[in-house]
Amino acid sequence: MKKPSLSIQVGLFTLARVMINSGYRMVYPFLSVFARGLGVDVETFSLVLTGRSLMGLLSPLLAPLADRRGRKVSLLLGLGIYTLGAGIVVLWPSLTTFVLALLLTTLGNIVFLPAMQAYLGDRIPYARRGRVLAITELSWSLAFIAGVPLLGWLLAGQGWPAPFALLAGLGVLFLVLIAFFVPNGRPQVQQDASGAVLRPDGLRQVLAIPAVLAALVMSFTFTTANELVNLMFGVWLEDSFHLQLEALAASAAVLGLAELGGESLTVALVDRLGKRRSVT
């Protein structure tokens, strides 16, 4: 059997992440719609999303699974958890299963994303790695441009559980495709620039690097600011301008187009300028 090309795998990963990110982002523009459908106030719903965001703290504990068990195992496990989370709402729609779905789909992404990045890092030279990883990051803008409006259309026509049915079905599809197109294999032992072995569980080894700590602080502040805007923009637009669900979906698409511009610049420039210069 011919080995699948890396281009096909990158495209597959990007589309899978469009699905994942669409499910993650759909609650922001439609926050008040989901809150009304579930019979809770916006403040309570916002606390649920805060709990979902805190799931990211598990990432340092779960990401090393891709080093210990292999990239493909983590990819499939992450998609499996994601699909399970979306499917629970379809079978038993309630506030409890909705919260559980948000947590499980986020957990699945936490397992899937580091494994995907590690898989590509194993196979792509450093000089081209930034561009390829940036291509997969286009999934964020594509989620707002295409995925969220589609899920909003389902939400308007069939009720709040409907988007999860599509996400669960797509999850099964991507499980099959990744199982077929991504080969098995264990990662090679990784070394840093000085030749020291990077242990899969070497969290303290990594945190001892000042640049890593600076990047973590920067990422934390950026993410916090972004999350505050995400939580409120849909509610604010609906309250201030009385926008209907379709208009809220269109506003998400506009934000996605703005993101696409920035992400496209990253694809074009990150390897040409250099990773360090791009950050600074």
Foldseek 3Di string as FASTA:
>chain_A
DDAFDVVVVLVLLLVLLLLLLLVLQLCLLCVCVVCVQQVHDLVVSLVLVVVLVVLLVCLLVQLLCCQVPNLLVLQLQLLVQLLVLLVQCVVPPHPVSVSSSSNSSSVSCSSNVSSVLVVLVQPDDPLQSQLSVLSSVLSNLSSLQPVSLVLLVQCVPPNDSRSSVVSSVVSVVSSVVSVPNPDTDHGDFDADPVRDTDDSSVPVVVVVDVVSVVVVVVVVVVVVVVSVCSNPVSVCCCVVVVDDSNVSSVVSNVVSVVVSVVSVCSSVPDSVCDVVVVVD
